Amino acid sequence: MAFVFPVLVLSASGFAQEPVDVPAITFSEVLRAAQRDPPAVAVAYAELMRAQAERGYAKAGWYPSLVGQASAGYGYDRRRVLPGVAGIDSQSIEARAELSLDWAALNVARGARIDAAEAGERVQRFGVDAARARASVLAAEMYLRAGAASTLVDDAKLSLERRTHQYDAAAELVKAGTRSPVDVQRAKIEVLSAEYGLSLRRNDELASFAALAAAIGRPANELIRPAASAADFPAVAGNPARAKELAEKNRPELRGAAANVSALRYAHDADIGERWPTLGVAANGSMAYLDVRRGIGIDGDQYTATGEIYLRWNGFDPAVWNKASVSDATANVAGRDRDALVHSVGAEAVAAYYALERAKTEHSRAVAVLDAAQVTREAQNGRYTAGVGSLLELLDAEDLEQQARQQRIEAERDERIAAAQLLFTCGMLGR
């Protein structure tokens, strides 16, 4: 019986090539860029600018209102003075200027409106901090994933190198007559699989470089790679209670929620203040000039001026009285939202603590499994070289060790990502 084995042609033309001319960036540079350049951070800054403008608008209520108006026109008048007497045509040119001043000297609602605007500005400042923190943790995760992707590429290169070495060794043993030609074909298949595996890892590496660039606000097609494969994070919480305490103390979302409640309470105070009278000063002055071109009239200048102190009260407006009830209910809802956010943030911090503990355990397990897998691989490699073990046994050991290497790399990456997430949930990432 004759066995025919297909000849496998190995070509690198279809494989992804190593990235070239990709600039590197350090972890500290990534954090600085993430807190400055991403579009989400720019949106938060724009909202802060709007809040500052609203605060300036509210403070303008302290200043008097000065309104000026000027007009000029041509007038025609035809009227009867007495019955049965022809009317008198009159044509004239008139110029007029007016200036009005209004100042609410005592307005109970005004101070509360300004306080509400200032509290609203604080809300947006905390919003900027929250946006920067979210951008930082995303960038940190992308940095770690990109570093691990490069490490996995190196691991894939090692697998290809070993598969190539096994292929060469199998070919030598077949020539020596100690092994079946089937081993050569099987080793060749493993080499081909390793080459495609390396190609996939390189593609994943490029994708991670693009994700890192996007995370720090750069165009995704402008690839950037991490200067190091990993980054270290300090241990900030030794137990779940400490993690919860730090989160409730440092998270900008919580301080922003508290400032929002204050802003709504000030708005409610302003609505209450609208129920009180407003005491103000008003003045008005005007100047007119009349030039009679035909008919009867009085040419010349005319001046008038008035000044008054007024008391304005909207006490009988039902909308004014009911508006405060709406703002009070809105503030109560914001208070409940703040309490719910405190609960959610605390739960998130505790979950992040346990996630890090789990990631540490997974990392330790991956290291232990890798140590055992390396011993097994070395033993099977020696058995195959000595002609005792089969190629399938060696390949099984190789696959086991390769999977253990990859799991160790991914477990180390996941542990560092979990550490970054814990720092973020505690409000201490990038500080």
Protein backbone atom coordinates (compact mmCIF):
# COMPACT_ATOMS: atom_id res chain seq x y z
CA MET A 1 0.00 0.00 0.00
CA ALA A 2 1.41 3.35 -1.02
CA PHE A 3 0.90 6.54 0.98
CA VAL A 4 0.81 9.85 -0.83
CA PHE A 5 1.42 12.98 1.23
CA PRO A 6 0.60 16.44 -0.13
CA VAL A 7 3.42 18.93 -0.34
CA LEU A 8 2.63 22.08 1.65
CA VAL A 9 4.06 25.28 0.24
CA LEU A 10 4.89 27.80 2.94
CA SER A 11 4.78 31.42 1.86
CA ALA A 12 5.13 34.49 4.02
CA SER A 13 3.64 36.83 1.44
CA GLY A 14 0.15 36.55 2.91
CA PHE A 15 1.22 37.12 6.50
CA ALA A 16 1.06 40.43 8.36
CA GLN A 17 4.46 42.02 8.60
CA GLU A 18 6.06 43.49 11.68
CA PRO A 19 5.05 47.11 12.31
CA VAL A 20 7.73 49.60 11.38
CA ASP A 21 8.15 53.27 12.26
CA VAL A 22 5.48 53.14 14.95
CA PRO A 23 6.34 55.81 17.55
CA ALA A 24 6.51 54.74 21.18
CA ILE A 25 4.87 56.42 24.14
CA THR A 26 5.45 56.00 27.85
CA PHE A 27 2.71 55.25 30.34
CA SER A 28 2.98 58.66 32.01
CA GLU A 29 2.68 60.34 28.60
CA VAL A 30 -0.40 58.25 27.89
CA LEU A 31 -2.07 59.40 31.10
CA ARG A 32 -1.25 63.06 30.41
CA ALA A 33 -2.58 62.82 26.86
CA ALA A 34 -5.71 60.98 28.02
CA GLN A 35 -6.51 63.77 30.48
CA ARG A 36 -6.11 66.42 27.81
CA ASP A 37 -6.82 65.31 24.24
CA PRO A 38 -9.76 62.86 23.89
CA PRO A 39 -12.98 64.33 22.44
CA ALA A 40 -14.95 63.35 25.54
CA VAL A 41 -12.64 65.49 27.67
CA ALA A 42 -13.02 68.38 25.22
CA VAL A 43 -16.81 68.08 25.51
CA ALA A 44 -16.54 68.25 29.31
CA TYR A 45 -14.40 71.39 29.06
CA ALA A 46 -16.93 72.96 26.69
CA GLU A 47 -19.70 72.26 29.19
CA LEU A 48 -17.58 73.91 31.87
CA MET A 49 -17.19 77.01 29.68
CA ARG A 50 -20.96 77.14 29.25
CA ALA A 51 -21.46 76.89 33.02
CA GLN A 52 -19.00 79.74 33.54
CA ALA A 53 -20.92 81.84 31.03
CA GLU A 54 -24.17 81.08 32.86
CA ARG A 55 -22.57 82.15 36.12
CA GLY A 56 -21.50 85.44 34.52
CA TYR A 57 -25.02 85.92 33.21
CA ALA A 58 -26.46 85.40 36.70
CA LYS A 59 -24.01 87.84 38.28
CA ALA A 60 -25.00 90.48 35.74
CA GLY A 61 -28.26 90.77 37.68
CA TRP A 62 -26.47 93.01 40.18
CA TYR A 63 -25.93 95.72 37.59
CA PRO A 64 -28.54 98.26 36.50
CA SER A 65 -30.20 97.95 33.14
CA LEU A 66 -29.52 100.92 30.87
CA VAL A 67 -31.48 101.06 27.61
CA GLY A 68 -31.11 103.75 24.97
CA GLN A 69 -33.28 104.42 21.94
CA ALA A 70 -33.12 106.99 19.16
CA SER A 71 -35.45 107.69 16.26
CA ALA A 72 -35.97 110.17 13.48
CA GLY A 73 -38.89 110.58 11.11
CA TYR A 74 -41.05 112.68 8.87
CA GLY A 75 -44.58 113.61 10.01
CA TYR A 76 -47.64 114.77 8.10
CA ASP A 77 -50.75 116.00 9.92
CA ARG A 78 -54.06 117.25 8.47
CA ARG A 79 -56.76 117.94 10.99
CA ARG A 80 -59.75 120.24 11.38
CA VAL A 81 -59.59 122.76 14.15
CA LEU A 82 -63.21 123.96 13.97
CA PRO A 83 -66.31 122.60 12.21
CA GLY A 84 -66.80 124.07 8.78
CA VAL A 85 -63.22 125.34 8.63
CA ALA A 86 -60.72 123.85 6.26
CA GLY A 87 -58.12 121.64 7.84
CA ILE A 88 -54.54 122.71 8.43
CA ASP A 89 -51.75 120.80 6.73
CA SER A 90 -48.67 120.39 8.84
CA GLN A 91 -45.38 118.74 7.85
CA SER A 92 -42.43 118.36 10.16
CA ILE A 93 -39.22 116.48 10.83
CA GLU A 94 -38.78 115.09 14.33
CA ALA A 95 -35.71 113.55 16.06
CA ARG A 96 -36.07 111.83 19.45
CA ALA A 97 -33.71 110.12 21.91
CA GLU A 98 -34.63 108.23 25.09
CA LEU A 99 -32.57 106.72 27.89
CA SER A 100 -34.05 104.40 30.55
CA LEU A 101 -32.43 103.12 33.72
CA ASP A 102 -33.82 100.27 35.83
CA TRP A 103 -32.07 98.78 38.86
CA ALA A 104 -33.55 96.19 41.16
CA ALA A 105 -31.91 97.29 44.38
CA LEU A 106 -33.52 94.58 46.49
CA ASN A 107 -34.31 91.22 44.86
CA VAL A 108 -34.47 88.20 47.16
CA ALA A 109 -34.22 85.69 44.30
CA ARG A 110 -31.13 87.23 42.71
CA GLY A 111 -28.54 86.00 45.23
CA ALA A 112 -29.92 82.47 45.13
CA ARG A 113 -29.79 82.46 41.32
CA ILE A 114 -26.11 83.42 41.46
CA ASP A 115 -25.41 80.70 44.05
CA ALA A 116 -27.17 78.16 41.84
CA ALA A 117 -25.06 79.20 38.84
CA GLU A 118 -21.85 78.91 40.87
CA ALA A 119 -22.89 75.47 42.09
CA GLY A 120 -23.65 74.52 38.48
CA GLU A 121 -20.13 75.56 37.55
CA ARG A 122 -18.77 73.27 40.27
CA VAL A 123 -20.85 70.44 38.84
CA GLN A 124 -19.17 70.88 35.48
CA ARG A 125 -15.71 71.11 37.05
CA PHE A 126 -16.30 67.73 38.66
CA GLY A 127 -17.64 66.58 35.29
CA VAL A 128 -14.30 67.47 33.73
CA ASP A 129 -12.51 65.49 36.44
CA ALA A 130 -14.80 62.52 35.83
CA ALA A 131 -14.26 62.65 32.07
CA ARG A 132 -10.50 62.79 32.55
CA ALA A 133 -10.62 59.84 34.94
CA ARG A 134 -12.67 57.75 32.50
CA ALA A 135 -10.32 58.63 29.67
CA SER A 136 -7.33 57.74 31.84
CA VAL A 137 -8.56 54.28 32.78
CA LEU A 138 -9.48 53.54 29.17
CA ALA A 139 -6.06 54.67 27.97
CA ALA A 140 -4.36 52.64 30.70
CA GLU A 141 -6.26 49.54 29.66
CA MET A 142 -5.40 50.07 25.99
CA TYR A 143 -1.75 50.60 26.92
CA LEU A 144 -1.65 47.31 28.82
CA ARG A 145 -3.49 45.44 26.08
CA ALA A 146 -1.12 46.82 23.45
CA GLY A 147 1.88 45.82 25.54
CA ALA A 148 0.49 42.31 26.02
CA ALA A 149 -0.24 42.09 22.28
CA SER A 150 3.43 42.77 21.54
CA THR A 151 4.44 40.14 24.10
CA LEU A 152 2.08 37.65 22.45
CA VAL A 153 3.74 38.40 19.12
CA ASP A 154 7.10 37.49 20.66
CA ASP A 155 5.50 34.36 22.06
CA ALA A 156 4.16 33.45 18.62
CA LYS A 157 7.67 33.93 17.20
CA LEU A 158 8.97 31.51 19.81
CA SER A 159 6.31 28.97 18.85
CA LEU A 160 7.23 29.31 15.17
CA GLU A 161 10.91 28.92 15.99
CA ARG A 162 10.24 25.75 17.96
CA ARG A 163 7.95 24.29 15.32
CA THR A 164 10.61 24.96 12.68
CA HIS A 165 13.22 23.28 14.87
CA GLN A 166 10.92 20.27 15.30
CA TYR A 167 10.41 20.08 11.57
CA ASP A 168 14.18 20.08 10.98
CA ALA A 169 14.70 17.47 13.69
CA ALA A 170 11.94 15.24 12.27
CA ALA A 171 13.46 15.50 8.80
CA GLU A 172 16.85 14.42 10.16
CA LEU A 173 15.31 11.48 12.00
CA VAL A 174 13.41 10.42 8.88
CA LYS A 175 16.62 10.50 6.88
CA ALA A 176 18.23 8.36 9.56
CA GLY A 177 15.37 5.88 9.21
CA THR A 178 14.28 6.10 12.82
CA ARG A 179 11.04 7.92 12.14
CA SER A 180 8.15 7.63 9.74
CA PRO A 181 7.74 10.23 6.94
CA VAL A 182 4.39 11.02 8.55
CA ASP A 183 6.26 12.92 11.27
CA VAL A 184 7.73 15.27 8.66
CA GLN A 185 4.34 16.07 7.19
CA ARG A 186 2.80 16.57 10.60
CA ALA A 187 5.68 18.85 11.65
CA LYS A 188 5.23 20.80 8.43
CA ILE A 189 1.55 21.35 9.27
CA GLU A 190 2.56 22.65 12.68
CA VAL A 191 4.98 25.11 11.09
CA LEU A 192 2.27 26.39 8.77
CA SER A 193 -0.15 26.76 11.68
CA ALA A 194 2.47 28.64 13.69
CA GLU A 195 3.10 31.05 10.80
CA TYR A 196 -0.59 31.84 10.53
CA GLY A 197 -0.76 32.18 14.31
CA LEU A 198 2.07 34.72 14.19
CA SER A 199 0.26 36.61 11.43
CA LEU A 200 -2.89 36.80 13.55
CA ARG A 201 -0.92 38.00 16.55
CA ARG A 202 0.70 40.75 14.49
CA ASN A 203 -2.72 41.82 13.24
CA ASP A 204 -3.99 41.95 16.83
CA GLU A 205 -0.92 44.00 17.74
CA LEU A 206 -1.65 46.59 15.06
CA ALA A 207 -5.29 46.74 16.15
CA SER A 208 -4.20 47.36 19.74
CA PHE A 209 -1.87 50.16 18.59
CA ALA A 210 -4.82 51.78 16.79
CA ALA A 211 -7.02 51.43 19.89
CA LEU A 212 -4.31 53.04 22.03
CA ALA A 213 -4.05 55.98 19.63
CA ALA A 214 -7.82 56.49 19.68
CA ALA A 215 -7.91 56.28 23.48
CA ILE A 216 -5.61 59.29 23.83
CA GLY A 217 -7.46 61.38 21.27
CA ARG A 218 -5.34 60.70 18.20
CA PRO A 219 -6.64 59.42 14.84
CA ALA A 220 -6.91 55.64 14.99
CA ASN A 221 -4.87 55.23 11.80
CA GLU A 222 -1.89 56.98 13.40
CA LEU A 223 -0.59 53.94 15.25
CA ILE A 224 1.29 54.31 18.49
CA ARG A 225 2.92 51.60 20.59
CA PRO A 226 3.70 51.42 24.30
CA ALA A 227 7.29 52.03 25.28
CA ALA A 228 7.05 49.17 27.80
CA SER A 229 5.03 45.98 27.80
CA ALA A 230 3.47 46.73 31.19
CA ALA A 231 2.97 49.34 33.89
CA ASP A 232 2.93 49.04 37.66
CA PHE A 233 0.17 50.34 39.91
CA PRO A 234 0.33 50.98 43.65
CA ALA A 235 -1.79 48.97 46.06
CA VAL A 236 -4.33 51.43 47.46
CA ALA A 237 -6.90 49.23 49.19
CA GLY A 238 -6.05 46.31 51.43
CA ASN A 239 -9.67 45.34 52.00
CA PRO A 240 -13.12 46.00 50.51
CA ALA A 241 -14.05 48.51 53.20
CA ARG A 242 -11.01 50.63 52.39
CA ALA A 243 -11.82 50.51 48.66
CA LYS A 244 -15.37 51.67 49.36
CA GLU A 245 -14.13 54.45 51.64
CA LEU A 246 -11.67 55.78 49.06
CA ALA A 247 -14.28 55.67 46.29
CA GLU A 248 -16.83 57.61 48.31
CA LYS A 249 -14.17 60.15 49.25
CA ASN A 250 -12.43 60.70 45.90
CA ARG A 251 -14.78 59.96 43.02
CA PRO A 252 -15.57 63.23 41.19
CA GLU A 253 -18.97 61.88 40.16
CA LEU A 254 -20.07 61.90 43.79
CA ARG A 255 -18.83 65.41 44.42
CA GLY A 256 -20.50 66.50 41.21
CA ALA A 257 -23.76 64.92 42.34
CA ALA A 258 -23.53 66.74 45.68
CA ALA A 259 -22.87 70.03 43.88
CA ASN A 260 -25.86 69.37 41.63
CA VAL A 261 -28.11 68.94 44.66
CA SER A 262 -26.79 72.24 46.03
CA ALA A 263 -27.45 73.97 42.71
CA LEU A 264 -31.04 72.73 42.65
CA ARG A 265 -31.55 73.76 46.27
CA TYR A 266 -30.33 77.26 45.44
CA ALA A 267 -32.70 77.30 42.47
CA HIS A 268 -35.52 76.36 44.84
CA ASP A 269 -34.51 79.21 47.15
CA ALA A 270 -34.63 81.55 44.17
CA ASP A 271 -38.14 80.36 43.34
CA ILE A 272 -39.15 81.07 46.92
CA GLY A 273 -37.52 84.49 46.66
CA GLU A 274 -39.68 85.36 43.67
CA ARG A 275 -42.66 85.38 46.01
CA TRP A 276 -41.24 88.46 47.73
CA PRO A 277 -41.54 92.02 46.40
CA THR A 278 -38.75 93.57 44.39
CA LEU A 279 -37.63 97.08 45.35
CA GLY A 280 -36.00 99.05 42.59
CA VAL A 281 -35.15 102.42 41.12
CA ALA A 282 -36.21 103.54 37.64
CA ALA A 283 -35.32 106.66 35.69
CA ASN A 284 -36.21 107.84 32.24
CA GLY A 285 -35.03 110.80 30.16
CA SER A 286 -35.90 111.90 26.66
CA MET A 287 -34.96 114.65 24.25
CA ALA A 288 -36.89 115.62 21.13
CA TYR A 289 -36.31 118.14 18.37
CA LEU A 290 -39.11 119.30 16.04
CA ASP A 291 -38.58 121.15 12.78
CA VAL A 292 -41.93 122.33 11.28
CA ARG A 293 -41.54 122.62 7.53
CA ARG A 294 -45.12 123.71 6.73
CA GLY A 295 -48.19 124.47 8.70
CA ILE A 296 -48.50 125.23 12.38
CA GLY A 297 -46.27 123.79 15.06
CA ILE A 298 -43.67 124.62 17.66
CA ASP A 299 -40.09 124.32 16.55
CA GLY A 300 -37.26 123.60 18.91
CA ASP A 301 -36.05 121.23 21.62
CA GLN A 302 -38.07 119.42 24.26
CA TYR A 303 -36.66 117.65 27.31
CA THR A 304 -38.34 115.38 29.84
CA ALA A 305 -36.96 113.38 32.76
CA THR A 306 -38.58 111.18 35.41
CA GLY A 307 -37.32 109.19 38.34
CA GLU A 308 -39.09 106.81 40.69
CA ILE A 309 -38.72 104.18 43.33
CA TYR A 310 -40.95 101.18 42.69
CA LEU A 311 -42.11 98.12 44.56
CA ARG A 312 -43.11 95.23 42.31
CA TRP A 313 -44.83 92.13 43.70
CA ASN A 314 -46.12 89.06 41.89
CA GLY A 315 -47.89 87.76 44.95
CA PHE A 316 -51.11 86.95 43.14
CA ASP A 317 -49.53 84.94 40.34
CA PRO A 318 -50.29 81.21 40.92
CA ALA A 319 -47.41 80.17 38.68
CA VAL A 320 -44.93 81.96 40.95
CA TRP A 321 -46.22 80.17 44.04
CA ASN A 322 -46.38 76.71 42.43
CA LYS A 323 -42.98 76.96 40.73
CA ALA A 324 -41.19 76.44 44.06
CA SER A 325 -42.95 73.11 44.57
CA VAL A 326 -41.60 71.86 41.26
CA SER A 327 -38.03 72.93 42.04
CA ASP A 328 -38.26 71.37 45.51
CA ALA A 329 -39.34 68.04 44.02
CA THR A 330 -36.53 68.27 41.46
CA ALA A 331 -33.98 68.80 44.21
CA ASN A 332 -35.38 65.81 46.12
CA VAL A 333 -34.99 63.63 43.03
CA ALA A 334 -31.38 64.81 42.64
CA GLY A 335 -30.75 63.91 46.28
CA ARG A 336 -32.08 60.40 45.69
CA ASP A 337 -29.93 60.12 42.59
CA ARG A 338 -26.90 61.14 44.63
CA ASP A 339 -27.68 58.47 47.24
CA ALA A 340 -28.10 55.86 44.52
CA LEU A 341 -24.79 56.92 42.98
CA VAL A 342 -23.03 56.63 46.35
CA HIS A 343 -24.38 53.11 46.69
CA SER A 344 -23.41 52.23 43.13
CA VAL A 345 -19.89 53.64 43.44
CA GLY A 346 -19.33 51.77 46.70
CA ALA A 347 -20.49 48.52 45.14
CA GLU A 348 -18.30 49.18 42.11
CA ALA A 349 -15.24 49.71 44.30
CA VAL A 350 -15.85 46.51 46.26
CA ALA A 351 -16.38 44.57 43.03
CA ALA A 352 -13.14 46.01 41.61
CA TYR A 353 -11.29 44.92 44.76
CA TYR A 354 -12.49 41.33 44.40
CA ALA A 355 -11.85 41.40 40.67
CA LEU A 356 -8.22 42.28 41.39
CA GLU A 357 -7.96 39.49 43.96
CA ARG A 358 -9.34 37.04 41.41
CA ALA A 359 -6.93 38.31 38.76
CA LYS A 360 -4.02 37.80 41.15
CA THR A 361 -5.12 34.21 41.76
CA GLU A 362 -5.50 33.59 38.03
CA HIS A 363 -2.02 34.99 37.46
CA SER A 364 -0.51 32.76 40.15
CA ARG A 365 -2.27 29.74 38.69
CA ALA A 366 -1.04 30.58 35.19
CA VAL A 367 2.55 30.82 36.42
CA ALA A 368 2.28 27.47 38.23
CA VAL A 369 0.72 25.76 35.21
CA LEU A 370 3.41 27.18 32.95
CA ASP A 371 6.17 25.84 35.21
CA ALA A 372 4.62 22.36 35.09
CA ALA A 373 4.02 22.57 31.34
CA GLN A 374 7.64 23.54 30.69
CA VAL A 375 8.86 20.50 32.63
CA THR A 376 6.50 18.26 30.64
CA ARG A 377 7.63 19.74 27.35
CA GLU A 378 11.30 19.27 28.13
CA ALA A 379 10.66 15.67 29.11
CA GLN A 380 8.69 14.89 25.95
CA ASN A 381 11.28 16.62 23.78
CA GLY A 382 13.98 14.42 25.29
CA ARG A 383 11.89 11.29 24.79
CA TYR A 384 11.25 12.14 21.14
CA THR A 385 14.89 12.94 20.44
CA ALA A 386 15.87 9.63 22.04
CA GLY A 387 13.36 7.79 19.84
CA VAL A 388 11.19 6.71 22.77
CA GLY A 389 8.26 9.11 22.51
CA SER A 390 6.05 9.87 19.54
CA LEU A 391 5.71 13.17 17.69
CA LEU A 392 2.09 13.43 18.76
CA GLU A 393 3.12 13.24 22.40
CA LEU A 394 5.69 15.96 21.83
CA LEU A 395 3.18 18.17 19.99
CA ASP A 396 0.64 17.72 22.77
CA ALA A 397 3.24 18.85 25.28
CA GLU A 398 4.18 21.76 23.02
CA ASP A 399 0.56 22.84 22.70
CA LEU A 400 0.05 22.59 26.44
CA GLU A 401 3.12 24.70 27.13
CA GLN A 402 2.20 27.25 24.43
CA GLN A 403 -1.29 27.67 25.86
CA ALA A 404 0.21 28.04 29.33
CA ARG A 405 2.57 30.76 28.08
CA GLN A 406 -0.28 32.65 26.48
CA GLN A 407 -2.46 32.28 29.56
CA ARG A 408 0.38 33.56 31.74
CA ILE A 409 0.77 36.66 29.51
CA GLU A 410 -2.97 37.30 29.46
CA ALA A 411 -3.30 36.71 33.23
CA GLU A 412 -0.52 39.20 33.93
CA ARG A 413 -2.22 41.71 31.64
CA ASP A 414 -5.60 41.15 33.27
CA GLU A 415 -4.13 41.60 36.75
CA ARG A 416 -2.65 44.97 35.81
CA ILE A 417 -5.90 46.05 34.14
CA ALA A 418 -7.78 45.06 37.29
CA ALA A 419 -5.31 47.11 39.36
CA ALA A 420 -5.93 50.11 37.10
CA GLN A 421 -9.69 49.61 37.41
CA LEU A 422 -9.42 49.53 41.20
CA LEU A 423 -7.42 52.76 41.18
CA PHE A 424 -10.07 54.31 38.95
CA THR A 425 -12.98 53.20 41.11
CA CYS A 426 -11.15 54.60 44.15
CA GLY A 427 -10.68 57.92 42.32
CA MET A 428 -6.90 57.75 42.44
CA LEU A 429 -5.79 56.90 38.92
CA GLY A 430 -3.48 59.54 37.49
CA ARG A 431 -3.22 61.49 40.75
